[in-house]
């Protein structure tokens, strides 16, 4: 029997994020203004055709699954990647720190600028629609942030962790990591995350922080033919 995290996008859109889902019972996606994630229900012809019809011409979608990702003929693969999915081995304690503040929609443009610079993963102005983000500001400038992205029954994804290059090496990322993990644990969910398989420094850090490898994941970014 497959694990709920083997198909995190589809299962999130079927459950905790159902209010954000676009599509049908055969294929669904998040609104592209929030995040480009999409998934088909299965590999049947009906589901693959529905997946093909989700995006507009030249619109990009990203699919992440533990198993092989089948792409219909009407979509072009523009990126093939391998990720690791890691889960916390234990709950994190909830913590507080005066440097941390909850970010709001007023911070969206600065959050996007920081994510564009540091590239923690797909990020948009509406990323906060998926979950709460927290940040650290120095002299009124956002220099580090992290938040919550995919949510499934019993699981919450820690995502968007990044620190401005001028402020790295001060422990800000680790502080945010522990804080957000504590917030996810406090509601009774197990923390999970994704990282590129080639990002050895990040994977080593996550192991040191109490995470273990659950599964390797396939990432395919696709575009519909014009």
Protein backbone atom coordinates (compact mmCIF):
# COMPACT_ATOMS: atom_id res chain seq x y z
CA UNK A 1 0.00 0.00 0.00
CA UNK A 2 1.38 3.40 -0.94
CA UNK A 3 2.15 6.05 1.66
CA UNK A 4 0.18 9.32 1.64
CA UNK A 5 3.45 11.20 1.03
CA UNK A 6 4.27 9.21 -2.10
CA UNK A 7 1.87 11.50 -3.98
CA UNK A 8 1.92 14.62 -1.81
CA UNK A 9 0.38 17.03 -4.32
CA UNK A 10 -2.58 14.88 -5.27
CA UNK A 11 -3.26 13.87 -1.68
CA UNK A 12 -3.02 17.45 -0.38
CA UNK A 13 -5.47 18.65 -3.04
CA UNK A 14 -7.83 15.82 -2.13
CA UNK A 15 -7.79 16.66 1.58
CA UNK A 16 -6.42 19.64 3.51
CA UNK A 17 -6.00 21.87 0.46
CA UNK A 18 -9.18 20.80 -1.32
CA UNK A 19 -10.47 24.38 -1.18
CA UNK A 20 -7.58 25.43 -3.43
CA UNK A 21 -7.95 22.64 -5.99
CA UNK A 22 -8.64 23.34 -9.66
CA UNK A 23 -9.60 20.59 -12.10
CA UNK A 24 -11.65 17.42 -11.81
CA UNK A 25 -11.59 13.97 -10.26
CA UNK A 26 -9.11 12.97 -12.99
CA UNK A 27 -6.47 15.71 -12.54
CA UNK A 28 -6.00 18.68 -10.24
CA UNK A 29 -3.65 21.57 -9.67
CA UNK A 30 -3.16 24.53 -7.39
CA UNK A 31 -3.97 27.95 -8.83
CA UNK A 32 -0.80 28.85 -10.77
CA UNK A 33 -0.70 32.23 -9.02
CA UNK A 34 -0.05 30.31 -5.75
CA UNK A 35 2.20 27.42 -6.78
CA UNK A 36 2.64 25.48 -10.07
CA UNK A 37 2.00 22.02 -8.56
CA UNK A 38 -0.33 19.58 -10.33
CA UNK A 39 -1.09 15.86 -10.38
CA UNK A 40 -3.18 13.28 -12.21
CA UNK A 41 -5.40 10.86 -10.32
CA UNK A 42 -3.69 7.89 -11.96
CA UNK A 43 -2.14 6.82 -15.27
CA UNK A 44 -5.37 6.10 -17.13
CA UNK A 45 -6.08 7.78 -20.45
CA UNK A 46 -8.83 9.91 -18.89
CA UNK A 47 -6.52 11.20 -16.16
CA UNK A 48 -3.64 11.96 -18.49
CA UNK A 49 -5.94 13.82 -20.87
CA UNK A 50 -7.31 15.82 -17.94
CA UNK A 51 -3.78 16.66 -16.82
CA UNK A 52 -2.92 17.80 -20.34
CA UNK A 53 -5.90 20.13 -20.38
CA UNK A 54 -5.20 21.82 -17.03
CA UNK A 55 -2.66 24.44 -18.16
CA UNK A 56 -3.09 27.21 -20.70
CA UNK A 57 -0.68 27.40 -23.63
CA UNK A 58 2.92 27.87 -22.47
CA UNK A 59 1.87 27.56 -18.83
CA UNK A 60 4.19 25.54 -16.58
CA UNK A 61 3.22 22.82 -14.09
CA UNK A 62 5.38 20.82 -11.66
CA UNK A 63 4.64 17.22 -10.65
CA UNK A 64 6.34 15.48 -7.69
CA UNK A 65 5.78 11.79 -6.94
CA UNK A 66 7.69 8.83 -5.54
CA UNK A 67 6.88 6.67 -8.54
CA UNK A 68 7.39 7.28 -12.25
CA UNK A 69 5.68 10.42 -13.56
CA UNK A 70 3.84 9.73 -16.82
CA UNK A 71 3.41 12.76 -19.08
CA UNK A 72 0.76 12.94 -21.83
CA UNK A 73 1.81 13.74 -25.40
CA UNK A 74 0.41 17.26 -25.29
CA UNK A 75 2.85 18.35 -22.58
CA UNK A 76 6.58 18.95 -23.01
CA UNK A 77 9.01 18.09 -20.21
CA UNK A 78 11.30 21.06 -19.58
CA UNK A 79 12.93 19.81 -16.36
CA UNK A 80 13.56 16.34 -14.96
CA UNK A 81 14.89 16.24 -11.42
CA UNK A 82 15.38 13.99 -8.43
CA UNK A 83 14.45 15.01 -4.91
CA UNK A 84 14.66 13.47 -1.49
CA UNK A 85 11.73 13.56 0.88
CA UNK A 86 12.68 13.65 4.54
CA UNK A 87 10.54 13.39 7.68
CA UNK A 88 11.23 14.41 11.26
CA UNK A 89 12.12 11.50 13.51
CA UNK A 90 10.45 13.17 16.49
CA UNK A 91 8.16 16.14 17.25
CA UNK A 92 9.85 19.52 17.66
CA UNK A 93 9.30 21.62 20.74
CA UNK A 94 7.45 24.87 20.26
CA UNK A 95 9.71 27.85 20.83
CA UNK A 96 9.73 31.63 20.79
CA UNK A 97 12.32 34.25 19.86
CA UNK A 98 11.89 38.00 19.78
CA UNK A 99 13.59 38.18 16.38
CA UNK A 100 10.87 36.13 14.70
CA UNK A 101 7.73 37.71 13.33
CA UNK A 102 4.78 36.39 11.42
CA UNK A 103 4.78 37.66 7.85
CA UNK A 104 1.67 39.06 6.17
CA UNK A 105 0.51 39.95 2.71
CA UNK A 106 2.21 43.32 3.21
CA UNK A 107 5.51 41.42 3.10
CA UNK A 108 4.69 39.45 -0.06
CA UNK A 109 6.83 41.45 -2.50
CA UNK A 110 9.85 41.38 -0.20
CA UNK A 111 9.35 37.64 0.36
CA UNK A 112 9.25 37.02 -3.38
CA UNK A 113 12.41 39.10 -3.88
CA UNK A 114 14.25 37.07 -1.22
CA UNK A 115 13.04 33.77 -2.72
CA UNK A 116 14.01 34.89 -6.23
CA UNK A 117 17.51 35.68 -4.97
CA UNK A 118 18.06 32.50 -2.95
CA UNK A 119 15.90 30.00 -4.92
CA UNK A 120 14.47 27.80 -2.13
CA UNK A 121 11.88 26.40 -4.57
CA UNK A 122 8.71 27.55 -6.37
CA UNK A 123 7.52 30.81 -4.81
CA UNK A 124 4.92 33.42 -5.73
CA UNK A 125 3.32 36.51 -4.30
CA UNK A 126 0.47 34.32 -3.04
CA UNK A 127 2.62 31.65 -1.37
CA UNK A 128 1.04 32.51 1.99
CA UNK A 129 -2.23 31.02 0.73
CA UNK A 130 -0.72 27.59 1.46
CA UNK A 131 0.36 28.26 5.04
CA UNK A 132 1.89 30.68 7.51
CA UNK A 133 5.37 32.15 7.01
CA UNK A 134 7.67 33.72 9.55
CA UNK A 135 10.70 35.92 8.99
CA UNK A 136 13.55 37.84 10.56
CA UNK A 137 14.02 41.50 9.73
CA UNK A 138 17.15 43.52 10.41
CA UNK A 139 16.87 47.28 10.16
CA UNK A 140 13.45 46.81 8.61
CA UNK A 141 14.76 44.51 5.89
CA UNK A 142 13.60 40.90 5.48
CA UNK A 143 16.76 38.78 5.61
CA UNK A 144 15.48 35.26 6.35
CA UNK A 145 12.19 33.38 6.22
CA UNK A 146 10.54 29.96 6.31
CA UNK A 147 7.01 28.67 6.28
CA UNK A 148 4.55 25.91 5.54
CA UNK A 149 3.53 24.66 2.11
CA UNK A 150 1.85 21.29 1.44
CA UNK A 151 -0.47 19.99 4.15
CA UNK A 152 -1.91 16.50 4.36
CA UNK A 153 -3.71 14.70 7.18
CA UNK A 154 -1.04 14.19 9.84
CA UNK A 155 1.76 15.90 7.91
CA UNK A 156 2.97 19.45 7.29
CA UNK A 157 5.71 20.51 4.87
CA UNK A 158 8.38 22.95 5.99
CA UNK A 159 9.33 25.04 2.97
CA UNK A 160 10.64 28.36 1.69
CA UNK A 161 13.61 28.33 4.06
CA UNK A 162 16.13 30.90 2.89
CA UNK A 163 18.56 33.53 4.16
CA UNK A 164 19.94 36.51 2.28
CA UNK A 165 23.61 35.87 1.34
CA UNK A 166 24.71 38.95 3.29
CA UNK A 167 23.34 37.44 6.50
CA UNK A 168 24.27 33.78 6.19
CA UNK A 169 26.42 32.11 8.82
CA UNK A 170 24.56 33.69 11.75
CA UNK A 171 22.27 30.77 12.54
CA UNK A 172 19.15 32.53 11.27
CA UNK A 173 18.15 29.67 8.98
CA UNK A 174 18.52 27.08 11.74
CA UNK A 175 16.48 29.25 14.10
CA UNK A 176 13.66 29.58 11.57
CA UNK A 177 13.85 25.88 10.76
CA UNK A 178 13.41 24.87 14.40
CA UNK A 179 10.66 27.43 14.95
CA UNK A 180 8.52 26.42 11.96
CA UNK A 181 9.07 22.73 12.73
CA UNK A 182 7.82 23.44 16.26
CA UNK A 183 4.71 25.16 14.94
CA UNK A 184 3.89 22.19 12.70
CA UNK A 185 4.53 19.72 15.53
CA UNK A 186 2.35 21.76 17.90
CA UNK A 187 -0.76 21.01 15.88
CA UNK A 188 0.05 17.29 15.97
CA UNK A 189 1.50 16.94 12.46
CA UNK A 190 4.75 15.25 11.45
CA UNK A 191 7.15 17.65 9.74
CA UNK A 192 8.41 16.75 6.28
CA UNK A 193 10.39 18.53 3.59
CA UNK A 194 11.92 18.13 0.14
CA UNK A 195 15.42 18.85 -1.12
CA UNK A 196 17.27 18.22 -4.34
CA UNK A 197 19.11 14.91 -4.14
CA UNK A 198 22.34 16.67 -5.17
CA UNK A 199 22.08 19.25 -2.37
CA UNK A 200 24.36 17.33 -0.01
CA UNK A 201 25.01 20.23 2.43
CA UNK A 202 21.28 20.74 3.01
CA UNK A 203 20.59 17.02 3.41
CA UNK A 204 23.46 16.71 5.89
CA UNK A 205 22.08 19.64 7.89
CA UNK A 206 18.56 18.19 7.92
CA UNK A 207 19.90 14.86 9.19
CA UNK A 208 21.75 16.69 11.96
CA UNK A 209 18.50 18.48 12.85
CA UNK A 210 16.66 15.18 13.31
CA UNK A 211 15.31 14.26 9.87
CA UNK A 212 15.59 10.95 8.07
CA UNK A 213 15.19 10.01 4.43
CA UNK A 214 11.72 8.64 3.70
CA UNK A 215 11.80 8.37 -0.08
CA UNK A 216 13.44 9.58 -3.25
CA UNK A 217 11.02 11.59 -5.41
CA UNK A 218 10.70 12.34 -9.10
CA UNK A 219 10.19 15.92 -10.22
CA UNK A 220 8.97 16.76 -13.72
CA UNK A 221 8.28 20.30 -14.82
CA UNK A 222 6.10 20.43 -17.92
CA UNK A 223 4.69 22.97 -20.33
CA UNK A 224 1.72 22.70 -22.63
CA UNK A 225 2.47 23.08 -26.33
CA UNK A 226 1.63 26.52 -27.66
